[in-house]
C-alpha atoms as a PDB file:
ATOM      1  CA  MET A   1      85.875  12.684  75.424  1.00  0.00           C
ATOM      2  CA  ALA A   2      88.568  14.595  77.326  1.00  0.00           C
ATOM      3  CA  VAL A   3      92.205  13.391  79.260  1.00  0.00           C
ATOM      4  CA  LEU A   4      91.541  14.256  82.444  1.00  0.00           C
ATOM      5  CA  GLN A   5      93.259  15.221  85.508  1.00  0.00           C
ATOM      6  CA  ILE A   6      95.098  12.360  87.663  1.00  0.00           C
ATOM      7  CA  VAL A   7      95.776  13.479  90.366  1.00  0.00           C
ATOM      8  CA  THR A   8      98.688  11.685  93.327  1.00  0.00           C
ATOM      9  CA  PHE A   9      99.433  11.295  97.331  1.00  0.00           C
ATOM     10  CA  PRO A  10      98.712  13.366  99.187  1.00  0.00           C
ATOM     11  CA  ASP A  11      95.964  14.963  97.345  1.00  0.00           C
ATOM     12  CA  PRO A  12      92.875  14.744  99.500  1.00  0.00           C
ATOM     13  CA  ALA A  13      90.897  13.579  97.089  1.00  0.00           C
ATOM     14  CA  LEU A  14      92.490  10.183  98.000  1.00  0.00           C
ATOM     15  CA  ARG A  15      90.991   9.623 101.562  1.00  0.00           C
ATOM     16  CA  ALA A  16      87.863  10.860 100.525  1.00  0.00           C
ATOM     17  CA  ARG A  17      85.348   7.390 100.996  1.00  0.00           C
ATOM     18  CA  CYS A  18      82.352   8.239  97.663  1.00  0.00           C
ATOM     19  CA  ARG A  19      79.396   8.424  97.708  1.00  0.00           C
ATOM     20  CA  GLU A  20      76.786   6.898  95.952  1.00  0.00           C
ATOM     21  CA  VAL A  21      75.966   7.588  92.504  1.00  0.00           C
ATOM     22  CA  THR A  22      72.231   8.408  92.141  1.00  0.00           C
ATOM     23  CA  ALA A  23      71.593  10.160  88.962  1.00  0.00           C
ATOM     24  CA  PHE A  24      72.389   7.835  85.939  1.00  0.00           C
ATOM     25  CA  ASP A  25      72.598  10.434  83.312  1.00  0.00           C
ATOM     26  CA  ALA A  26      73.892  12.278  80.169  1.00  0.00           C
ATOM     27  CA  GLU A  27      76.485  14.124  82.066  1.00  0.00           C
ATOM     28  CA  LEU A  28      77.994  10.246  84.171  1.00  0.00           C
ATOM     29  CA  VAL A  29      78.385   9.019  80.722  1.00  0.00           C
ATOM     30  CA  GLN A  30      80.351  11.484  79.409  1.00  0.00           C
ATOM     31  CA  PHE A  31      81.934  11.124  83.145  1.00  0.00           C
ATOM     32  CA  LEU A  32      82.770   7.006  82.367  1.00  0.00           C
ATOM     33  CA  ASP A  33      83.769   7.936  78.211  1.00  0.00           C
ATOM     34  CA  ASP A  34      86.891  10.691  80.156  1.00  0.00           C
ATOM     35  CA  MET A  35      87.524   8.226  82.530  1.00  0.00           C
ATOM     36  CA  ALA A  36      88.104   6.060  79.848  1.00  0.00           C
ATOM     37  CA  GLU A  37      90.418   7.299  78.004  1.00  0.00           C
ATOM     38  CA  THR A  38      92.107   8.126  80.424  1.00  0.00           C
ATOM     39  CA  MET A  39      92.508   5.208  81.668  1.00  0.00           C
ATOM     40  CA  ALA A  40      93.473   4.243  78.451  1.00  0.00           C
ATOM     41  CA  ALA A  41      96.005   7.462  77.757  1.00  0.00           C
ATOM     42  CA  SER A  42      97.247   6.064  80.863  1.00  0.00           C
ATOM     43  CA  GLU A  43      98.046   3.050  80.454  1.00  0.00           C
ATOM     44  CA  GLY A  44      96.180   2.193  83.616  1.00  0.00           C
ATOM     45  CA  ILE A  45      93.809  -1.934  83.951  1.00  0.00           C
ATOM     46  CA  GLY A  46      91.915   0.310  86.489  1.00  0.00           C
ATOM     47  CA  LEU A  47      90.519   3.687  88.271  1.00  0.00           C
ATOM     48  CA  ALA A  48      88.779   4.527  90.516  1.00  0.00           C
ATOM     49  CA  ALA A  49      86.410   8.486  90.836  1.00  0.00           C
ATOM     50  CA  ASN A  50      88.301   9.919  92.873  1.00  0.00           C
ATOM     51  CA  GLN A  51      91.864   9.321  91.863  1.00  0.00           C
ATOM     52  CA  VAL A  52      90.287  12.399  89.348  1.00  0.00           C
ATOM     53  CA  GLY A  53      89.062  13.855  91.991  1.00  0.00           C
ATOM     54  CA  HIS A  54      85.784  13.182  91.794  1.00  0.00           C
ATOM     55  CA  LEU A  55      83.849  11.748  94.391  1.00  0.00           C
ATOM     56  CA  HIS A  56      81.825   8.878  92.814  1.00  0.00           C
ATOM     57  CA  ARG A  57      81.220   5.574  93.971  1.00  0.00           C
ATOM     58  CA  LEU A  58      82.148   4.523  90.571  1.00  0.00           C
ATOM     59  CA  TYR A  59      85.931   3.428  88.680  1.00  0.00           C
ATOM     60  CA  LEU A  60      86.372   0.745  85.731  1.00  0.00           C
ATOM     61  CA  MET A  61      88.936  -1.889  84.692  1.00  0.00           C
ATOM     62  CA  ASP A  62      90.518  -3.139  82.148  1.00  0.00           C
ATOM     63  CA  VAL A  63      92.927  -5.962  82.701  1.00  0.00           C
ATOM     64  CA  PRO A  64      95.201  -8.574  80.740  1.00  0.00           C
ATOM     65  CA  VAL A  65      94.356 -12.149  81.846  1.00  0.00           C
ATOM     66  CA  SER A  66      96.232 -13.649  79.210  1.00  0.00           C
ATOM     67  CA  GLU A  67      98.444 -12.720  76.730  1.00  0.00           C
ATOM     68  CA  THR A  68      96.388 -11.841  74.021  1.00  0.00           C
ATOM     69  CA  GLU A  69      92.459 -11.794  75.392  1.00  0.00           C
ATOM     70  CA  ARG A  70      91.395  -8.285  78.191  1.00  0.00           C
ATOM     71  CA  THR A  71      88.593  -7.874  80.451  1.00  0.00           C
ATOM     72  CA  GLY A  72      86.762  -5.903  78.095  1.00  0.00           C
ATOM     73  CA  LEU A  73      85.559  -2.079  79.456  1.00  0.00           C
ATOM     74  CA  LEU A  74      84.301  -2.615  82.547  1.00  0.00           C
ATOM     75  CA  GLU A  75      82.131  -0.149  84.398  1.00  0.00           C
ATOM     76  CA  ILE A  76      80.908  -0.291  87.443  1.00  0.00           C
ATOM     77  CA  ILE A  77      79.611   1.728  89.580  1.00  0.00           C
ATOM     78  CA  ASN A  78      78.382   1.718  93.356  1.00  0.00           C
ATOM     79  CA  PRO A  79      80.207  -1.852  93.779  1.00  0.00           C
ATOM     80  CA  LYS A  80      79.618  -3.959  96.467  1.00  0.00           C
ATOM     81  CA  ILE A  81      81.456  -6.634  96.926  1.00  0.00           C
ATOM     82  CA  VAL A  82      79.774  -9.547  99.349  1.00  0.00           C
ATOM     83  CA  ALA A  83      82.677 -12.214  98.627  1.00  0.00           C
ATOM     84  CA  LYS A  84      85.475 -12.709  99.838  1.00  0.00           C
ATOM     85  CA  ARG A  85      87.925 -16.344  99.022  1.00  0.00           C
ATOM     86  CA  GLY A  86      90.972 -17.407  99.257  1.00  0.00           C
ATOM     87  CA  GLU A  87      94.095 -15.028  99.048  1.00  0.00           C
ATOM     88  CA  VAL A  88      96.990 -13.684  96.647  1.00  0.00           C
ATOM     89  CA  ARG A  89      99.906 -11.642  97.436  1.00  0.00           C
ATOM     90  CA  PHE A  90     100.669  -9.595  93.957  1.00  0.00           C
ATOM     91  CA  GLU A  91     103.126  -6.654  93.330  1.00  0.00           C
ATOM     92  CA  GLU A  92     100.743  -3.698  92.366  1.00  0.00           C
ATOM     93  CA  GLY A  93     101.014  -0.593  91.648  1.00  0.00           C
ATOM     94  CA  CYS A  94      98.898   2.755  90.995  1.00  0.00           C
ATOM     95  CA  LEU A  95      98.364   5.477  88.583  1.00  0.00           C
ATOM     96  CA  SER A  96      98.039   7.961  91.841  1.00  0.00           C
ATOM     97  CA  PHE A  97     101.920   6.578  92.770  1.00  0.00           C
ATOM     98  CA  PRO A  98     103.765   7.251  89.673  1.00  0.00           C
ATOM     99  CA  GLY A  99     106.903   5.067  89.913  1.00  0.00           C
ATOM    100  CA  VAL A 100     105.930   3.222  92.705  1.00  0.00           C
ATOM    101  CA  TYR A 101     104.793  -1.116  93.193  1.00  0.00           C
ATOM    102  CA  GLU A 102     104.771  -2.944  95.954  1.00  0.00           C
ATOM    103  CA  THR A 103     103.124  -6.926  97.239  1.00  0.00           C
ATOM    104  CA  VAL A 104      99.972  -6.721  98.946  1.00  0.00           C
ATOM    105  CA  ILE A 105      97.700  -9.562  99.695  1.00  0.00           C
ATOM    106  CA  ARG A 106      94.316  -9.835  98.683  1.00  0.00           C
ATOM    107  CA  ALA A 107      91.559 -12.444  98.123  1.00  0.00           C
ATOM    108  CA  ASN A 108      92.507 -14.315  95.200  1.00  0.00           C
ATOM    109  CA  GLU A 109      88.304 -14.452  94.271  1.00  0.00           C
ATOM    110  CA  ILE A 110      85.237 -12.470  94.805  1.00  0.00           C
ATOM    111  CA  GLU A 111      81.681 -12.051  94.257  1.00  0.00           C
ATOM    112  CA  LEU A 112      80.453  -7.870  92.753  1.00  0.00           C
ATOM    113  CA  HIS A 113      77.780  -6.268  93.109  1.00  0.00           C
ATOM    114  CA  TYR A 114      77.325  -3.296  91.087  1.00  0.00           C
ATOM    115  CA  GLN A 115      75.243  -0.863  88.195  1.00  0.00           C
ATOM    116  CA  ASP A 116      76.519  -0.232  84.629  1.00  0.00           C
ATOM    117  CA  ARG A 117      75.484   3.280  84.138  1.00  0.00           C
ATOM    118  CA  HIS A 118      72.666   2.043  82.897  1.00  0.00           C
ATOM    119  CA  GLY A 119      71.926   1.881  86.128  1.00  0.00           C
ATOM    120  CA  VAL A 120      71.098  -1.988  85.811  1.00  0.00           C
ATOM    121  CA  ALA A 121      72.657  -4.478  88.558  1.00  0.00           C
ATOM    122  CA  HIS A 122      75.559  -7.125  87.408  1.00  0.00           C
ATOM    123  CA  THR A 123      76.695  -9.895  89.649  1.00  0.00           C
ATOM    124  CA  VAL A 124      79.825 -11.293  88.887  1.00  0.00           C
ATOM    125  CA  VAL A 125      82.802 -13.194  90.742  1.00  0.00           C
ATOM    126  CA  LEU A 126      86.068 -12.683  90.033  1.00  0.00           C
ATOM    127  CA  VAL A 127      89.749 -14.054  90.289  1.00  0.00           C
ATOM    128  CA  GLY A 128      93.392 -13.794  89.778  1.00  0.00           C
ATOM    129  CA  LEU A 129      94.471  -9.947  88.692  1.00  0.00           C
ATOM    130  CA  PRO A 130      90.502  -8.862  87.931  1.00  0.00           C
ATOM    131  CA  ALA A 131      89.914  -9.184  91.380  1.00  0.00           C
ATOM    132  CA  ILE A 132      92.917  -8.099  92.829  1.00  0.00           C
ATOM    133  CA  CYS A 133      92.916  -4.615  90.508  1.00  0.00           C
ATOM    134  CA  ALA A 134      88.640  -4.498  91.940  1.00  0.00           C
ATOM    135  CA  GLN A 135      89.667  -4.259  94.787  1.00  0.00           C
ATOM    136  CA  HIS A 136      92.708  -2.070  94.129  1.00  0.00           C
ATOM    137  CA  GLU A 137      90.265   0.648  92.895  1.00  0.00           C
ATOM    138  CA  TYR A 138      87.305  -0.959  96.011  1.00  0.00           C
ATOM    139  CA  ASP A 139      89.367   0.314  98.159  1.00  0.00           C
ATOM    140  CA  HIS A 140      90.564   3.832  96.200  1.00  0.00           C
ATOM    141  CA  LEU A 141      86.066   4.737  96.690  1.00  0.00           C
ATOM    142  CA  GLU A 142      87.108   3.555 100.685  1.00  0.00           C
ATOM    143  CA  GLY A 143      89.202   6.775 100.983  1.00  0.00           C
ATOM    144  CA  ILE A 144      92.158   3.752 101.306  1.00  0.00           C
ATOM    145  CA  THR A 145      95.332   3.257  99.386  1.00  0.00           C
ATOM    146  CA  PHE A 146      97.102   0.013  98.312  1.00  0.00           C
ATOM    147  CA  VAL A 147      99.875   1.964 100.400  1.00  0.00           C
ATOM    148  CA  ASP A 148      97.505   1.562 103.697  1.00  0.00           C
ATOM    149  CA  ARG A 149      97.668  -2.273 103.246  1.00  0.00           C
ATOM    150  CA  LEU A 150     101.181  -2.034 103.475  1.00  0.00           C
ATOM    151  CA  SER A 151     102.937  -3.090 107.355  1.00  0.00           C
ATOM    152  CA  PRO A 152     103.211  -0.041 109.326  1.00  0.00           C
ATOM    153  CA  LEU A 153     107.375  -0.440 108.997  1.00  0.00           C
ATOM    154  CA  LYS A 154     106.950  -0.852 105.453  1.00  0.00           C
ATOM    155  CA  ARG A 155     104.336   2.314 105.240  1.00  0.00           C
ATOM    156  CA  ARG A 156     106.882   5.073 106.353  1.00  0.00           C
ATOM    157  CA  VAL A 157     109.740   3.786 103.642  1.00  0.00           C
ATOM    158  CA  VAL A 158     107.606   3.680 100.425  1.00  0.00           C
ATOM    159  CA  LEU A 159     105.620   6.810 101.432  1.00  0.00           C
ATOM    160  CA  ARG A 160     109.649   8.002 102.396  1.00  0.00           C
ATOM    161  CA  ASP A 161     110.758   7.334  99.581  1.00  0.00           C
ATOM    162  CA  TYR A 162     107.919   8.335  97.672  1.00  0.00           C
ATOM    163  CA  GLU A 163     108.661  12.136  99.478  1.00  0.00           C
ATOM    164  CA  ARG A 164     111.994  12.617  98.639  1.00  0.00           C
ATOM    165  CA  ARG A 165     111.845  11.555  94.418  1.00  0.00           C
ATOM    166  CA  ASN A 166     108.951  13.933  94.405  1.00  0.00           C
ATOM    167  CA  ARG A 167     110.821  16.448  95.771  1.00  0.00           C
ATOM    168  CA  GLU A 168     113.910  15.781  94.156  1.00  0.00           C
ATOM    169  CA  SER A 169     111.087  15.776  91.115  1.00  0.00           C
ATOM    170  CA  ILE A 170     109.923  19.376  91.463  1.00  0.00           C
ATOM    171  CA  GLU A 171     113.784  20.832  92.387  1.00  0.00           C
ATOM    172  CA  ASP A 172     114.985  19.572  88.655  1.00  0.00           C
ATOM    173  CA  LYS A 173     112.092  21.122  87.447  1.00  0.00           C
ATOM    174  CA  GLN A 174     112.954  24.436  89.379  1.00  0.00           C
ATOM    175  CA  LEU A 175     116.354  24.293  88.040  1.00  0.00           C
ATOM    176  CA  ARG A 176     115.336  23.606  84.014  1.00  0.00           C
ATOM    177  CA  ALA A 177     113.129  26.861  84.911  1.00  0.00           C
ATOM    178  CA  LYS A 178     116.459  28.884  85.645  1.00  0.00           C
ATOM    179  CA  VAL A 179     118.818  27.895  83.234  1.00  0.00           C
ATOM    180  CA  LYS A 180     116.589  27.822  80.939  1.00  0.00           C
ATOM    181  CA  ALA A 181     115.382  31.432  81.212  1.00  0.00           C
ATOM    182  CA  ARG A 182     119.005  32.264  81.813  1.00  0.00           C
ATOM    183  CA  ARG A 183     119.498  31.319  78.409  1.00  0.00           C
ATOM    184  CA  GLN A 184     116.188  33.150  77.005  1.00  0.00           C
ATOM    185  CA  PRO A 185     117.905  36.508  74.806  1.00  0.00           C
ATOM    186  CA  PRO A 186     117.713  39.690  76.188  1.00  0.00           C
ATOM    187  CA  GLN A 187     114.339  41.573  75.056  1.00  0.00           C
ATOM    188  CA  VAL A 188     114.821  44.484  72.786  1.00  0.00           C
ATOM    189  CA  LEU A 189     113.100  47.925  73.940  1.00  0.00           C
ATOM    190  CA  SER A 190     111.611  49.975  70.269  1.00  0.00           C
END
């Protein structure tokens, strides 16, 4: 297994609509295992394929449902949300938007059809945080980010702040690299 590189906004993969998975083979199993390792290493509760640069309709989730219980790892392939009920406001974050947390309105309960790693069809009803996570990851497969669920004004403010922080982070890294290069002792040539 391997830890994959998570892409961050504005990577074009985050705006791409993912395509159906048709091959349920060893390559898919390896990819799912790598995604699980990546999600765990990132301490995320959900991860969509396009967040690691692959445009396949699949995501993983492992959501806390209480202080001592989790949903367990769910591998969701070719999902379809067939019903939504209720409404909930929840502060969401995203591995592709490090440091950004905003309140989003979602359905509190969903009915989800999907396939597992073997191509077997399943239906599940999710409520609360599992439903929120499933909708967040489903949006990724449609090329929608949680920031797109904000009002236009709030989205502009959030993206402006996010881009400013990223610019400052890049400038800090460049400055540290210059300082480190100056501190290197001169090389002796013989």
